[in-house]
Amino acid sequence: MSAGDWKGMLQAIYDGDAEAVHHFLRDGVDPNYEHPEMLCTPLIEAVRADKEEIVTLLLKYGADPFRVSSYAGRSAYNEARSLNKTAMVKLFPRPNLRQRWKSLFS
């Protein structure tokens, strides 16, 4: 996967263009890829941008809500909780014990 594809998907997330995000995912853009310049995942950015439909789509394509970003040291799950995005938190699977433990410290 090229960074251009990832950056294009990231822009589609910011634009709220779920159809374009779906296109990128179908074309093989990894929903768990953390760009070396941006140090975030598409799911974390979708949570921050308050794009619930895109969060759902990314989860459907295997985005890991518990993957911790290198930059912020937080996961999409932690980000949604800290931003009080209750509806988004409910979209995520229940964290297991290890994931809960990590969430206490991030």
N, C-alpha and C. Protein backbone atom coordinates (compact mmCIF):
# COMPACT_ATOMS: atom_id res chain seq x y z
N MET A 1 0.84 -1.18 0.00
CA MET A 1 0.00 0.00 0.00
C MET A 1 0.88 1.23 0.00
N SER A 2 0.52 2.20 -0.78
CA SER A 2 1.30 3.43 -0.83
C SER A 2 0.75 4.45 0.15
N ALA A 3 1.61 5.34 0.58
CA ALA A 3 1.18 6.40 1.50
C ALA A 3 0.14 7.29 0.85
N GLY A 4 0.23 7.45 -0.46
CA GLY A 4 -0.76 8.27 -1.17
C GLY A 4 -2.16 7.74 -1.00
N ASP A 5 -2.31 6.42 -1.09
CA ASP A 5 -3.62 5.81 -0.88
C ASP A 5 -4.12 6.08 0.53
N TRP A 6 -3.22 5.93 1.50
CA TRP A 6 -3.59 6.15 2.89
C TRP A 6 -3.97 7.61 3.11
N LYS A 7 -3.18 8.51 2.56
CA LYS A 7 -3.48 9.94 2.73
C LYS A 7 -4.79 10.31 2.04
N GLY A 8 -5.06 9.69 0.91
CA GLY A 8 -6.33 9.92 0.23
C GLY A 8 -7.50 9.45 1.07
N MET A 9 -7.34 8.29 1.69
CA MET A 9 -8.40 7.79 2.57
C MET A 9 -8.56 8.70 3.79
N LEU A 10 -7.46 9.17 4.32
CA LEU A 10 -7.54 10.07 5.47
C LEU A 10 -8.31 11.34 5.11
N GLN A 11 -8.06 11.87 3.92
CA GLN A 11 -8.79 13.07 3.48
C GLN A 11 -10.27 12.76 3.33
N ALA A 12 -10.59 11.57 2.81
CA ALA A 12 -12.00 11.16 2.67
C ALA A 12 -12.66 11.06 4.04
N ILE A 13 -11.90 10.60 5.04
CA ILE A 13 -12.44 10.54 6.41
C ILE A 13 -12.77 11.94 6.89
N TYR A 14 -11.84 12.86 6.74
CA TYR A 14 -12.06 14.25 7.18
C TYR A 14 -13.25 14.87 6.45
N ASP A 15 -13.40 14.52 5.15
CA ASP A 15 -14.51 15.05 4.35
C ASP A 15 -15.84 14.37 4.66
N GLY A 16 -15.78 13.28 5.42
CA GLY A 16 -17.01 12.54 5.72
C GLY A 16 -17.53 11.76 4.54
N ASP A 17 -16.65 11.41 3.60
CA ASP A 17 -17.03 10.73 2.37
C ASP A 17 -16.91 9.21 2.56
N ALA A 18 -17.96 8.62 3.12
CA ALA A 18 -17.95 7.18 3.41
C ALA A 18 -17.80 6.34 2.15
N GLU A 19 -18.37 6.79 1.06
CA GLU A 19 -18.26 6.05 -0.20
C GLU A 19 -16.81 5.98 -0.66
N ALA A 20 -16.09 7.08 -0.56
CA ALA A 20 -14.67 7.08 -0.95
C ALA A 20 -13.85 6.21 0.01
N VAL A 21 -14.14 6.28 1.31
CA VAL A 21 -13.43 5.44 2.27
C VAL A 21 -13.67 3.98 1.94
N HIS A 22 -14.91 3.63 1.62
CA HIS A 22 -15.22 2.25 1.24
C HIS A 22 -14.43 1.83 0.02
N HIS A 23 -14.31 2.71 -0.96
CA HIS A 23 -13.52 2.44 -2.16
C HIS A 23 -12.06 2.15 -1.80
N PHE A 24 -11.47 2.99 -0.96
CA PHE A 24 -10.08 2.78 -0.56
C PHE A 24 -9.90 1.44 0.17
N LEU A 25 -10.83 1.12 1.05
CA LEU A 25 -10.75 -0.14 1.79
C LEU A 25 -10.89 -1.34 0.86
N ARG A 26 -11.83 -1.27 -0.09
CA ARG A 26 -12.00 -2.36 -1.07
C ARG A 26 -10.73 -2.53 -1.91
N ASP A 27 -10.03 -1.42 -2.16
CA ASP A 27 -8.80 -1.47 -2.96
C ASP A 27 -7.59 -1.90 -2.15
N GLY A 28 -7.79 -2.20 -0.87
CA GLY A 28 -6.72 -2.78 -0.08
C GLY A 28 -5.98 -1.87 0.86
N VAL A 29 -6.44 -0.65 1.06
CA VAL A 29 -5.79 0.22 2.04
C VAL A 29 -6.01 -0.40 3.43
N ASP A 30 -4.95 -0.56 4.17
CA ASP A 30 -4.98 -1.21 5.47
C ASP A 30 -5.59 -0.27 6.52
N PRO A 31 -6.72 -0.65 7.13
CA PRO A 31 -7.35 0.23 8.12
C PRO A 31 -6.57 0.35 9.42
N ASN A 32 -5.52 -0.47 9.58
CA ASN A 32 -4.70 -0.40 10.79
C ASN A 32 -3.33 0.22 10.55
N TYR A 33 -3.11 0.69 9.33
CA TYR A 33 -1.81 1.28 8.99
C TYR A 33 -1.61 2.59 9.74
N GLU A 34 -0.44 2.75 10.31
CA GLU A 34 -0.09 3.99 10.98
C GLU A 34 0.99 4.67 10.14
N HIS A 35 0.63 5.78 9.53
CA HIS A 35 1.55 6.48 8.64
C HIS A 35 2.74 7.01 9.45
N PRO A 36 3.97 6.85 8.93
CA PRO A 36 5.16 7.27 9.69
C PRO A 36 5.27 8.78 9.92
N GLU A 37 4.57 9.57 9.14
CA GLU A 37 4.58 11.02 9.36
C GLU A 37 3.43 11.46 10.27
N MET A 38 2.28 10.83 10.11
CA MET A 38 1.08 11.24 10.84
C MET A 38 0.97 10.56 12.21
N LEU A 39 1.51 9.35 12.32
CA LEU A 39 1.50 8.58 13.57
C LEU A 39 0.10 8.40 14.16
N CYS A 40 -0.84 8.09 13.28
CA CYS A 40 -2.20 7.81 13.72
C CYS A 40 -2.80 6.76 12.79
N THR A 41 -3.92 6.21 13.20
CA THR A 41 -4.63 5.25 12.35
C THR A 41 -5.89 5.91 11.81
N PRO A 42 -6.42 5.39 10.71
CA PRO A 42 -7.66 5.94 10.17
C PRO A 42 -8.80 5.92 11.19
N LEU A 43 -8.87 4.88 12.00
CA LEU A 43 -9.96 4.78 12.98
C LEU A 43 -9.86 5.88 14.03
N ILE A 44 -8.67 6.14 14.51
CA ILE A 44 -8.50 7.22 15.49
C ILE A 44 -8.92 8.55 14.89
N GLU A 45 -8.54 8.80 13.65
CA GLU A 45 -8.91 10.06 13.01
C GLU A 45 -10.41 10.15 12.75
N ALA A 46 -11.05 9.02 12.42
CA ALA A 46 -12.50 9.02 12.21
C ALA A 46 -13.22 9.33 13.52
N VAL A 47 -12.71 8.80 14.64
CA VAL A 47 -13.29 9.11 15.95
C VAL A 47 -13.13 10.59 16.24
N ARG A 48 -11.92 11.12 16.06
CA ARG A 48 -11.66 12.54 16.33
C ARG A 48 -12.53 13.46 15.47
N ALA A 49 -12.76 13.02 14.22
CA ALA A 49 -13.56 13.83 13.29
C ALA A 49 -15.06 13.63 13.49
N ASP A 50 -15.44 12.75 14.42
CA ASP A 50 -16.84 12.48 14.74
C ASP A 50 -17.62 11.93 13.53
N LYS A 51 -17.00 10.97 12.84
CA LYS A 51 -17.59 10.36 11.65
C LYS A 51 -18.05 8.94 11.96
N GLU A 52 -19.19 8.81 12.62
CA GLU A 52 -19.69 7.52 13.10
C GLU A 52 -19.88 6.50 11.99
N GLU A 53 -20.41 6.92 10.85
CA GLU A 53 -20.62 6.00 9.73
C GLU A 53 -19.28 5.42 9.25
N ILE A 54 -18.26 6.25 9.23
CA ILE A 54 -16.94 5.81 8.78
C ILE A 54 -16.29 4.92 9.84
N VAL A 55 -16.50 5.22 11.11
CA VAL A 55 -16.01 4.35 12.18
C VAL A 55 -16.59 2.95 11.98
N THR A 56 -17.87 2.86 11.74
CA THR A 56 -18.53 1.57 11.52
C THR A 56 -17.92 0.85 10.33
N LEU A 57 -17.69 1.57 9.26
CA LEU A 57 -17.10 0.99 8.05
C LEU A 57 -15.69 0.46 8.30
N LEU A 58 -14.88 1.26 8.98
CA LEU A 58 -13.51 0.84 9.29
C LEU A 58 -13.50 -0.42 10.17
N LEU A 59 -14.39 -0.47 11.14
CA LEU A 59 -14.49 -1.65 12.00
C LEU A 59 -14.88 -2.88 11.18
N LYS A 60 -15.79 -2.70 10.24
CA LYS A 60 -16.23 -3.79 9.36
C LYS A 60 -15.05 -4.35 8.57
N TYR A 61 -14.11 -3.48 8.21
CA TYR A 61 -12.93 -3.89 7.44
C TYR A 61 -11.74 -4.26 8.33
N GLY A 62 -11.99 -4.45 9.61
CA GLY A 62 -10.95 -4.99 10.48
C GLY A 62 -10.10 -4.00 11.25
N ALA A 63 -10.51 -2.74 11.29
CA ALA A 63 -9.75 -1.77 12.08
C ALA A 63 -9.76 -2.18 13.55
N ASP A 64 -8.62 -2.09 14.18
CA ASP A 64 -8.46 -2.49 15.58
C ASP A 64 -8.70 -1.29 16.50
N PRO A 65 -9.81 -1.27 17.24
CA PRO A 65 -10.10 -0.12 18.10
C PRO A 65 -9.18 -0.02 19.31
N PHE A 66 -8.38 -1.06 19.56
CA PHE A 66 -7.50 -1.06 20.73
C PHE A 66 -6.03 -0.87 20.38
N ARG A 67 -5.76 -0.66 19.11
CA ARG A 67 -4.37 -0.39 18.67
C ARG A 67 -3.96 1.00 19.15
N VAL A 68 -2.85 1.06 19.84
CA VAL A 68 -2.38 2.32 20.42
C VAL A 68 -1.50 3.05 19.40
N SER A 69 -1.80 4.33 19.17
CA SER A 69 -1.00 5.10 18.21
C SER A 69 0.34 5.50 18.83
N SER A 70 1.34 5.62 17.99
CA SER A 70 2.67 5.99 18.46
C SER A 70 2.72 7.44 18.93
N TYR A 71 1.94 8.30 18.31
CA TYR A 71 2.00 9.72 18.64
C TYR A 71 1.30 10.04 19.96
N ALA A 72 0.06 9.68 20.06
CA ALA A 72 -0.72 10.06 21.24
C ALA A 72 -0.67 9.01 22.35
N GLY A 73 -0.24 7.81 22.01
CA GLY A 73 -0.22 6.75 23.00
C GLY A 73 -1.61 6.31 23.42
N ARG A 74 -2.58 6.50 22.53
CA ARG A 74 -3.97 6.15 22.82
C ARG A 74 -4.54 5.34 21.68
N SER A 75 -5.57 4.59 21.98
CA SER A 75 -6.29 3.84 20.96
C SER A 75 -7.55 4.61 20.56
N ALA A 76 -8.20 4.14 19.51
CA ALA A 76 -9.47 4.75 19.09
C ALA A 76 -10.50 4.59 20.21
N TYR A 77 -10.47 3.45 20.88
CA TYR A 77 -11.37 3.22 22.00
C TYR A 77 -11.14 4.26 23.10
N ASN A 78 -9.88 4.47 23.47
CA ASN A 78 -9.54 5.47 24.49
C ASN A 78 -9.95 6.87 24.05
N GLU A 79 -9.70 7.15 22.78
CA GLU A 79 -10.02 8.48 22.24
C GLU A 79 -11.52 8.73 22.32
N ALA A 80 -12.32 7.75 21.90
CA ALA A 80 -13.78 7.90 21.95
C ALA A 80 -14.26 8.09 23.38
N ARG A 81 -13.69 7.35 24.31
CA ARG A 81 -14.07 7.49 25.71
C ARG A 81 -13.68 8.87 26.25
N SER A 82 -12.47 9.31 25.95
CA SER A 82 -12.01 10.60 26.50
C SER A 82 -12.76 11.78 25.89
N LEU A 83 -13.28 11.61 24.68
CA LEU A 83 -14.04 12.68 24.04
C LEU A 83 -15.54 12.56 24.31
N ASN A 84 -15.91 11.63 25.19
CA ASN A 84 -17.31 11.38 25.57
C ASN A 84 -18.19 11.07 24.36
N LYS A 85 -17.67 10.27 23.45
CA LYS A 85 -18.43 9.85 22.27
C LYS A 85 -19.06 8.48 22.56
N THR A 86 -20.06 8.51 23.41
CA THR A 86 -20.70 7.30 23.91
C THR A 86 -21.23 6.42 22.80
N ALA A 87 -21.84 7.01 21.78
CA ALA A 87 -22.39 6.22 20.67
C ALA A 87 -21.28 5.47 19.95
N MET A 88 -20.13 6.10 19.80
CA MET A 88 -19.01 5.42 19.13
C MET A 88 -18.43 4.32 20.00
N VAL A 89 -18.31 4.57 21.29
CA VAL A 89 -17.78 3.54 22.20
C VAL A 89 -18.64 2.29 22.10
N LYS A 90 -19.94 2.47 21.93
CA LYS A 90 -20.85 1.32 21.84
C LYS A 90 -20.65 0.53 20.54
N LEU A 91 -20.04 1.14 19.52
CA LEU A 91 -19.78 0.44 18.27
C LEU A 91 -18.63 -0.56 18.40
N PHE A 92 -17.73 -0.28 19.34
CA PHE A 92 -16.55 -1.12 19.51
C PHE A 92 -16.88 -2.40 20.27
N PRO A 93 -16.14 -3.47 19.99
CA PRO A 93 -16.34 -4.68 20.79
C PRO A 93 -15.92 -4.41 22.23
N ARG A 94 -16.44 -5.18 23.14
CA ARG A 94 -16.04 -5.02 24.55
C ARG A 94 -14.56 -5.35 24.69
N PRO A 95 -13.82 -4.51 25.39
CA PRO A 95 -12.39 -4.81 25.57
C PRO A 95 -12.19 -5.99 26.51
N ASN A 96 -11.16 -6.78 26.22
CA ASN A 96 -10.83 -7.87 27.14
C ASN A 96 -10.05 -7.29 28.32
N LEU A 97 -9.68 -8.11 29.24
CA LEU A 97 -9.02 -7.65 30.46
C LEU A 97 -7.73 -6.89 30.16
N ARG A 98 -6.92 -7.42 29.24
CA ARG A 98 -5.66 -6.76 28.89
C ARG A 98 -5.93 -5.37 28.30
N GLN A 99 -6.92 -5.28 27.42
CA GLN A 99 -7.25 -4.00 26.80
C GLN A 99 -7.80 -3.02 27.82
N ARG A 100 -8.60 -3.51 28.76
CA ARG A 100 -9.11 -2.63 29.82
C ARG A 100 -7.97 -2.09 30.67
N TRP A 101 -7.03 -2.95 31.00
CA TRP A 101 -5.88 -2.55 31.82
C TRP A 101 -5.10 -1.45 31.12
N LYS A 102 -4.83 -1.63 29.82
CA LYS A 102 -4.11 -0.62 29.05
C LYS A 102 -4.88 0.69 29.01
N SER A 103 -6.21 0.61 28.91
CA SER A 103 -7.01 1.82 28.81
C SER A 103 -7.01 2.64 30.09
N LEU A 104 -6.71 2.01 31.20
CA LEU A 104 -6.64 2.74 32.46
C LEU A 104 -5.44 3.68 32.51
N PHE A 105 -4.42 3.36 31.72
CA PHE A 105 -3.16 4.11 31.79
C PHE A 105 -2.87 4.92 30.55
N SER A 106 -3.84 5.07 29.66
CA SER A 106 -3.60 5.90 28.48
C SER A 106 -4.61 7.01 28.39
